[in-house]
Every structure is written in C-alpha cells, then in structure tokens.
PDB file of N, CA and C in Angstrom:
ATOM      1  N   MET A   1       0.815  22.872 -21.202  1.00  0.00           N
ATOM      2  CA  MET A   1       0.741  21.622 -21.932  1.00  0.00           C
ATOM      3  C   MET A   1       1.816  20.648 -21.440  1.00  0.00           C
ATOM      4  N   LYS A   2       3.013  21.179 -21.166  1.00  0.00           N
ATOM      5  CA  LYS A   2       4.102  20.333 -20.682  1.00  0.00           C
ATOM      6  C   LYS A   2       3.728  19.706 -19.337  1.00  0.00           C
ATOM      7  N   ARG A   3       3.046  20.471 -18.499  1.00  0.00           N
ATOM      8  CA  ARG A   3       2.639  19.974 -17.192  1.00  0.00           C
ATOM      9  C   ARG A   3       1.652  18.808 -17.345  1.00  0.00           C
ATOM     10  N   LEU A   4       0.731  18.906 -18.303  1.00  0.00           N
ATOM     11  CA  LEU A   4      -0.236  17.841 -18.556  1.00  0.00           C
ATOM     12  C   LEU A   4       0.481  16.569 -18.971  1.00  0.00           C
ATOM     13  N   TRP A   5       1.449  16.678 -19.894  1.00  0.00           N
ATOM     14  CA  TRP A   5       2.201  15.504 -20.339  1.00  0.00           C
ATOM     15  C   TRP A   5       3.008  14.906 -19.198  1.00  0.00           C
ATOM     16  N   SER A   6       3.518  15.741 -18.317  1.00  0.00           N
ATOM     17  CA  SER A   6       4.265  15.237 -17.165  1.00  0.00           C
ATOM     18  C   SER A   6       3.354  14.424 -16.251  1.00  0.00           C
ATOM     19  N   LYS A   7       2.160  14.930 -16.000  1.00  0.00           N
ATOM     20  CA  LYS A   7       1.213  14.218 -15.152  1.00  0.00           C
ATOM     21  C   LYS A   7       0.764  12.910 -15.797  1.00  0.00           C
ATOM     22  N   LEU A   8       0.474  12.950 -17.089  1.00  0.00           N
ATOM     23  CA  LEU A   8       0.051  11.737 -17.780  1.00  0.00           C
ATOM     24  C   LEU A   8       1.169  10.697 -17.792  1.00  0.00           C
ATOM     25  N   SER A   9       2.396  11.144 -17.974  1.00  0.00           N
ATOM     26  CA  SER A   9       3.534  10.220 -17.953  1.00  0.00           C
ATOM     27  C   SER A   9       3.687   9.588 -16.587  1.00  0.00           C
ATOM     28  N   LEU A  10       3.504  10.380 -15.546  1.00  0.00           N
ATOM     29  CA  LEU A  10       3.608   9.861 -14.191  1.00  0.00           C
ATOM     30  C   LEU A  10       2.505   8.842 -13.901  1.00  0.00           C
ATOM     31  N   VAL A  11       1.286   9.129 -14.331  1.00  0.00           N
ATOM     32  CA  VAL A  11       0.176   8.195 -14.139  1.00  0.00           C
ATOM     33  C   VAL A  11       0.455   6.888 -14.864  1.00  0.00           C
ATOM     34  N   LEU A  12       0.950   6.960 -16.074  1.00  0.00           N
ATOM     35  CA  LEU A  12       1.281   5.759 -16.831  1.00  0.00           C
ATOM     36  C   LEU A  12       2.379   4.965 -16.137  1.00  0.00           C
ATOM     37  N   LEU A  13       3.405   5.638 -15.651  1.00  0.00           N
ATOM     38  CA  LEU A  13       4.498   4.972 -14.954  1.00  0.00           C
ATOM     39  C   LEU A  13       4.005   4.266 -13.700  1.00  0.00           C
ATOM     40  N   ILE A  14       3.201   4.959 -12.913  1.00  0.00           N
ATOM     41  CA  ILE A  14       2.692   4.368 -11.680  1.00  0.00           C
ATOM     42  C   ILE A  14       1.758   3.205 -11.982  1.00  0.00           C
ATOM     43  N   SER A  15       0.933   3.349 -13.012  1.00  0.00           N
ATOM     44  CA  SER A  15       0.044   2.250 -13.394  1.00  0.00           C
ATOM     45  C   SER A  15       0.843   1.014 -13.777  1.00  0.00           C
ATOM     46  N   CYS A  16       1.917   1.209 -14.513  1.00  0.00           N
ATOM     47  CA  CYS A  16       2.776   0.078 -14.885  1.00  0.00           C
ATOM     48  C   CYS A  16       3.414  -0.550 -13.657  1.00  0.00           C
ATOM     49  N   MET A  17       3.821   0.289 -12.703  1.00  0.00           N
ATOM     50  CA  MET A  17       4.413  -0.236 -11.469  1.00  0.00           C
ATOM     51  C   MET A  17       3.396  -1.066 -10.695  1.00  0.00           C
ATOM     52  N   VAL A  18       2.165  -0.564 -10.605  1.00  0.00           N
ATOM     53  CA  VAL A  18       1.114  -1.292  -9.895  1.00  0.00           C
ATOM     54  C   VAL A  18       0.839  -2.618 -10.588  1.00  0.00           C
ATOM     55  N   LEU A  19       0.737  -2.594 -11.906  1.00  0.00           N
ATOM     56  CA  LEU A  19       0.468  -3.818 -12.654  1.00  0.00           C
ATOM     57  C   LEU A  19       1.575  -4.847 -12.477  1.00  0.00           C
ATOM     58  N   SER A  20       2.808  -4.413 -12.479  1.00  0.00           N
ATOM     59  CA  SER A  20       3.908  -5.365 -12.338  1.00  0.00           C
ATOM     60  C   SER A  20       4.034  -5.878 -10.912  1.00  0.00           C
ATOM     61  N   ALA A  21       3.576  -5.100  -9.948  1.00  0.00           N
ATOM     62  CA  ALA A  21       3.679  -5.513  -8.548  1.00  0.00           C
ATOM     63  C   ALA A  21       2.561  -6.456  -8.122  1.00  0.00           C
ATOM     64  N   CYS A  22       1.489  -6.533  -8.866  1.00  0.00           N
ATOM     65  CA  CYS A  22       0.352  -7.343  -8.439  1.00  0.00           C
ATOM     66  C   CYS A  22       0.092  -8.469  -9.426  1.00  0.00           C
ATOM     67  N   ASP A  23       1.123  -9.265  -9.674  1.00  0.00           N
ATOM     68  CA  ASP A  23       0.958 -10.364 -10.623  1.00  0.00           C
ATOM     69  C   ASP A  23       0.197 -11.536 -10.013  1.00  0.00           C
ATOM     70  N   GLY A  24      -0.009 -11.530  -8.693  1.00  0.00           N
ATOM     71  CA  GLY A  24      -0.854 -12.529  -8.056  1.00  0.00           C
ATOM     72  C   GLY A  24      -0.237 -13.906  -7.931  1.00  0.00           C
ATOM     73  N   ASN A  25       1.065 -14.049  -8.131  1.00  0.00           N
ATOM     74  CA  ASN A  25       1.665 -15.371  -8.027  1.00  0.00           C
ATOM     75  C   ASN A  25       2.827 -15.402  -7.041  1.00  0.00           C
ATOM     76  N   GLY A  26       2.795 -14.512  -6.081  1.00  0.00           N
ATOM     77  CA  GLY A  26       3.812 -14.530  -5.047  1.00  0.00           C
ATOM     78  C   GLY A  26       5.159 -13.998  -5.491  1.00  0.00           C
ATOM     79  N   GLY A  27       5.216 -13.342  -6.615  1.00  0.00           N
ATOM     80  CA  GLY A  27       6.451 -12.739  -7.075  1.00  0.00           C
ATOM     81  C   GLY A  27       7.473 -13.719  -7.594  1.00  0.00           C
ATOM     82  N   ASN A  28       7.044 -14.917  -7.995  1.00  0.00           N
ATOM     83  CA  ASN A  28       8.009 -15.900  -8.473  1.00  0.00           C
ATOM     84  C   ASN A  28       8.354 -15.738  -9.944  1.00  0.00           C
ATOM     85  N   GLY A  29       7.810 -14.710 -10.588  1.00  0.00           N
ATOM     86  CA  GLY A  29       8.164 -14.438 -11.970  1.00  0.00           C
ATOM     87  C   GLY A  29       7.281 -15.129 -12.992  1.00  0.00           C
ATOM     88  N   ASN A  30       6.491 -16.087 -12.580  1.00  0.00           N
ATOM     89  CA  ASN A  30       5.604 -16.767 -13.517  1.00  0.00           C
ATOM     90  C   ASN A  30       4.349 -15.943 -13.717  1.00  0.00           C
ATOM     91  N   THR A  31       3.842 -15.956 -14.918  1.00  0.00           N
ATOM     92  CA  THR A  31       2.585 -15.263 -15.179  1.00  0.00           C
ATOM     93  C   THR A  31       1.534 -16.292 -15.536  1.00  0.00           C
ATOM     94  N   SER A  32       0.304 -16.025 -15.147  1.00  0.00           N
ATOM     95  CA  SER A  32      -0.779 -16.934 -15.489  1.00  0.00           C
ATOM     96  C   SER A  32      -1.265 -16.606 -16.891  1.00  0.00           C
ATOM     97  N   SER A  33      -1.968 -17.520 -17.497  1.00  0.00           N
ATOM     98  CA  SER A  33      -2.488 -17.291 -18.843  1.00  0.00           C
ATOM     99  C   SER A  33      -4.002 -17.318 -18.802  1.00  0.00           C
ATOM    100  N   MET A  34      -4.605 -16.965 -19.912  1.00  0.00           N
ATOM    101  CA  MET A  34      -6.058 -16.967 -19.984  1.00  0.00           C
ATOM    102  C   MET A  34      -6.617 -18.363 -19.739  1.00  0.00           C
ATOM    103  N   SER A  35      -5.862 -19.413 -20.043  1.00  0.00           N
ATOM    104  CA  SER A  35      -6.340 -20.771 -19.784  1.00  0.00           C
ATOM    105  C   SER A  35      -6.406 -21.058 -18.285  1.00  0.00           C
ATOM    106  N   ASP A  36      -5.732 -20.238 -17.474  1.00  0.00           N
ATOM    107  CA  ASP A  36      -5.786 -20.376 -16.015  1.00  0.00           C
ATOM    108  C   ASP A  36      -6.994 -19.657 -15.435  1.00  0.00           C
ATOM    109  N   GLY A  37      -7.839 -19.075 -16.273  1.00  0.00           N
ATOM    110  CA  GLY A  37      -9.021 -18.386 -15.787  1.00  0.00           C
ATOM    111  C   GLY A  37      -8.852 -16.878 -15.744  1.00  0.00           C
ATOM    112  N   GLY A  38      -7.827 -16.348 -16.343  1.00  0.00           N
ATOM    113  CA  GLY A  38      -7.634 -14.905 -16.378  1.00  0.00           C
ATOM    114  C   GLY A  38      -6.222 -14.539 -15.987  1.00  0.00           C
ATOM    115  N   ILE A  39      -5.865 -13.303 -16.271  1.00  0.00           N
ATOM    116  CA  ILE A  39      -4.516 -12.862 -15.952  1.00  0.00           C
ATOM    117  C   ILE A  39      -4.478 -11.874 -14.809  1.00  0.00           C
ATOM    118  N   TYR A  40      -5.630 -11.455 -14.307  1.00  0.00           N
ATOM    119  CA  TYR A  40      -5.683 -10.493 -13.225  1.00  0.00           C
ATOM    120  C   TYR A  40      -6.303 -11.116 -11.988  1.00  0.00           C
ATOM    121  N   LYS A  41      -5.845 -10.678 -10.841  1.00  0.00           N
ATOM    122  CA  LYS A  41      -6.478 -11.053  -9.581  1.00  0.00           C
ATOM    123  C   LYS A  41      -7.396  -9.890  -9.211  1.00  0.00           C
ATOM    124  N   ALA A  42      -8.695 -10.173  -9.107  1.00  0.00           N
ATOM    125  CA  ALA A  42      -9.674  -9.116  -8.866  1.00  0.00           C
ATOM    126  C   ALA A  42      -9.364  -8.372  -7.575  1.00  0.00           C
ATOM    127  N   GLY A  43      -9.542  -7.058  -7.614  1.00  0.00           N
ATOM    128  CA  GLY A  43      -9.320  -6.230  -6.436  1.00  0.00           C
ATOM    129  C   GLY A  43      -8.965  -4.810  -6.816  1.00  0.00           C
ATOM    130  N   ILE A  44      -8.682  -4.027  -5.793  1.00  0.00           N
ATOM    131  CA  ILE A  44      -8.287  -2.638  -5.969  1.00  0.00           C
ATOM    132  C   ILE A  44      -6.862  -2.504  -5.451  1.00  0.00           C
ATOM    133  N   TYR A  45      -5.985  -1.977  -6.292  1.00  0.00           N
ATOM    134  CA  TYR A  45      -4.582  -1.814  -5.944  1.00  0.00           C
ATOM    135  C   TYR A  45      -4.211  -0.344  -6.043  1.00  0.00           C
ATOM    136  N   THR A  46      -3.361   0.119  -5.143  1.00  0.00           N
ATOM    137  CA  THR A  46      -2.921   1.502  -5.168  1.00  0.00           C
ATOM    138  C   THR A  46      -1.405   1.561  -5.261  1.00  0.00           C
ATOM    139  N   GLY A  47      -0.933   2.612  -5.865  1.00  0.00           N
ATOM    140  CA  GLY A  47       0.496   2.876  -5.952  1.00  0.00           C
ATOM    141  C   GLY A  47       0.706   4.368  -5.886  1.00  0.00           C
ATOM    142  N   SER A  48       1.875   4.779  -5.425  1.00  0.00           N
ATOM    143  CA  SER A  48       2.142   6.208  -5.347  1.00  0.00           C
ATOM    144  C   SER A  48       3.571   6.489  -5.763  1.00  0.00           C
ATOM    145  N   GLY A  49       3.784   7.699  -6.159  1.00  0.00           N
ATOM    146  CA  GLY A  49       5.108   8.151  -6.565  1.00  0.00           C
ATOM    147  C   GLY A  49       5.216   9.639  -6.354  1.00  0.00           C
ATOM    148  N   GLU A  50       6.429  10.127  -6.383  1.00  0.00           N
ATOM    149  CA  GLU A  50       6.664  11.543  -6.147  1.00  0.00           C
ATOM    150  C   GLU A  50       6.494  12.304  -7.465  1.00  0.00           C
ATOM    151  N   GLY A  51       5.572  13.240  -7.459  1.00  0.00           N
ATOM    152  CA  GLY A  51       5.343  14.083  -8.616  1.00  0.00           C
ATOM    153  C   GLY A  51       6.046  15.416  -8.461  1.00  0.00           C
ATOM    154  N   ILE A  52       5.840  16.304  -9.390  1.00  0.00           N
ATOM    155  CA  ILE A  52       6.476  17.622  -9.340  1.00  0.00           C
ATOM    156  C   ILE A  52       5.992  18.415  -8.128  1.00  0.00           C
ATOM    157  N   ASN A  53       4.707  18.342  -7.837  1.00  0.00           N
ATOM    158  CA  ASN A  53       4.129  19.104  -6.728  1.00  0.00           C
ATOM    159  C   ASN A  53       3.804  18.239  -5.529  1.00  0.00           C
ATOM    160  N   GLY A  54       4.460  17.109  -5.373  1.00  0.00           N
ATOM    161  CA  GLY A  54       4.218  16.235  -4.234  1.00  0.00           C
ATOM    162  C   GLY A  54       3.823  14.844  -4.679  1.00  0.00           C
ATOM    163  N   ALA A  55       3.381  14.052  -3.726  1.00  0.00           N
ATOM    164  CA  ALA A  55       3.046  12.654  -3.985  1.00  0.00           C
ATOM    165  C   ALA A  55       1.792  12.538  -4.853  1.00  0.00           C
ATOM    166  N   VAL A  56       1.789  11.543  -5.736  1.00  0.00           N
ATOM    167  CA  VAL A  56       0.642  11.232  -6.581  1.00  0.00           C
ATOM    168  C   VAL A  56       0.270   9.777  -6.315  1.00  0.00           C
ATOM    169  N   THR A  57      -0.987   9.531  -6.034  1.00  0.00           N
ATOM    170  CA  THR A  57      -1.467   8.181  -5.761  1.00  0.00           C
ATOM    171  C   THR A  57      -2.438   7.765  -6.852  1.00  0.00           C
ATOM    172  N   VAL A  58      -2.278   6.531  -7.327  1.00  0.00           N
ATOM    173  CA  VAL A  58      -3.133   5.985  -8.371  1.00  0.00           C
ATOM    174  C   VAL A  58      -3.801   4.728  -7.828  1.00  0.00           C
ATOM    175  N   GLU A  59      -5.099   4.592  -8.086  1.00  0.00           N
ATOM    176  CA  GLU A  59      -5.868   3.421  -7.681  1.00  0.00           C
ATOM    177  C   GLU A  59      -6.338   2.700  -8.944  1.00  0.00           C
ATOM    178  N   VAL A  60      -6.005   1.409  -9.052  1.00  0.00           N
ATOM    179  CA  VAL A  60      -6.368   0.618 -10.220  1.00  0.00           C
ATOM    180  C   VAL A  60      -7.300  -0.500  -9.770  1.00  0.00           C
ATOM    181  N   THR A  61      -8.457  -0.628 -10.428  1.00  0.00           N
ATOM    182  CA  THR A  61      -9.437  -1.655 -10.096  1.00  0.00           C
ATOM    183  C   THR A  61      -9.425  -2.730 -11.177  1.00  0.00           C
ATOM    184  N   PHE A  62      -9.323  -3.986 -10.744  1.00  0.00           N
ATOM    185  CA  PHE A  62      -9.284  -5.129 -11.646  1.00  0.00           C
ATOM    186  C   PHE A  62     -10.498  -6.013 -11.446  1.00  0.00           C
ATOM    187  N   SER A  63     -11.029  -6.559 -12.536  1.00  0.00           N
ATOM    188  CA  SER A  63     -11.943  -7.690 -12.457  1.00  0.00           C
ATOM    189  C   SER A  63     -11.075  -8.913 -12.701  1.00  0.00           C
ATOM    190  N   ASP A  64     -11.656 -10.082 -12.823  1.00  0.00           N
ATOM    191  CA  ASP A  64     -10.869 -11.278 -13.091  1.00  0.00           C
ATOM    192  C   ASP A  64     -10.244 -11.261 -14.484  1.00  0.00           C
ATOM    193  N   GLU A  65     -10.761 -10.440 -15.371  1.00  0.00           N
ATOM    194  CA  GLU A  65     -10.320 -10.475 -16.761  1.00  0.00           C
ATOM    195  C   GLU A  65      -9.773  -9.170 -17.317  1.00  0.00           C
ATOM    196  N   GLU A  66      -9.968  -8.033 -16.604  1.00  0.00           N
ATOM    197  CA  GLU A  66      -9.549  -6.771 -17.186  1.00  0.00           C
ATOM    198  C   GLU A  66      -9.389  -5.683 -16.126  1.00  0.00           C
ATOM    199  N   ILE A  67      -8.751  -4.608 -16.532  1.00  0.00           N
ATOM    200  CA  ILE A  67      -8.694  -3.398 -15.713  1.00  0.00           C
ATOM    201  C   ILE A  67     -10.018  -2.675 -15.922  1.00  0.00           C
ATOM    202  N   THR A  68     -10.729  -2.396 -14.842  1.00  0.00           N
ATOM    203  CA  THR A  68     -12.043  -1.768 -14.978  1.00  0.00           C
ATOM    204  C   THR A  68     -12.027  -0.286 -14.665  1.00  0.00           C
ATOM    205  N   ASP A  69     -11.016   0.197 -13.913  1.00  0.00           N
ATOM    206  CA  ASP A  69     -11.002   1.612 -13.558  1.00  0.00           C
ATOM    207  C   ASP A  69      -9.588   2.010 -13.124  1.00  0.00           C
ATOM    208  N   ILE A  70      -9.209   3.238 -13.430  1.00  0.00           N
ATOM    209  CA  ILE A  70      -7.963   3.818 -12.943  1.00  0.00           C
ATOM    210  C   ILE A  70      -8.311   5.224 -12.448  1.00  0.00           C
ATOM    211  N   LYS A  71      -7.948   5.515 -11.205  1.00  0.00           N
ATOM    212  CA  LYS A  71      -8.222   6.831 -10.626  1.00  0.00           C
ATOM    213  C   LYS A  71      -6.927   7.422 -10.092  1.00  0.00           C
ATOM    214  N   VAL A  72      -6.743   8.712 -10.311  1.00  0.00           N
ATOM    215  CA  VAL A  72      -5.667   9.449  -9.681  1.00  0.00           C
ATOM    216  C   VAL A  72      -6.281  10.087  -8.443  1.00  0.00           C
ATOM    217  N   ILE A  73      -5.777   9.701  -7.295  1.00  0.00           N
ATOM    218  CA  ILE A  73      -6.373  10.146  -6.032  1.00  0.00           C
ATOM    219  C   ILE A  73      -5.659  11.384  -5.520  1.00  0.00           C
TER     220      ILE A  73
END
C-alpha cells in the first residue's frame, strides 16, 4: 500500500511540474484567463522524474480548455 501511495504522489508531483512548465506565455509569469480563450495551450506534454525503481515519465494531454488525459509511461 505504501508503494502505491509513493507512486501516486510521484505522479501528482510530476503532473504539477508539467502544468507549471507549460503555461504557454514564454515563462514571463503571467497567466492567461478564460476571457483570453482558455488557460491551456492544446498539446501533449511530458515530464519525468526519478522514482524509487528508476525514472517515471508522465504524459499530459491538453485541449484548449482542459486536461483530457494523463498517462504514466
């Protein structure tokens, strides 16, 4: 059970890292609002981190308005 929580925590951490890294505004710290047509830039983004048993890669898929899929690769 502890191993499952460790993996889920790692996936959540990596997902947050991916989300913060792909703000779509050149990293200037400004965030867009829904009045700008959405808060996400559509595409597929990947992030990786070191897990207990090696590297873990997460792929996050965005539409213009929401996260549509998250996969642990």
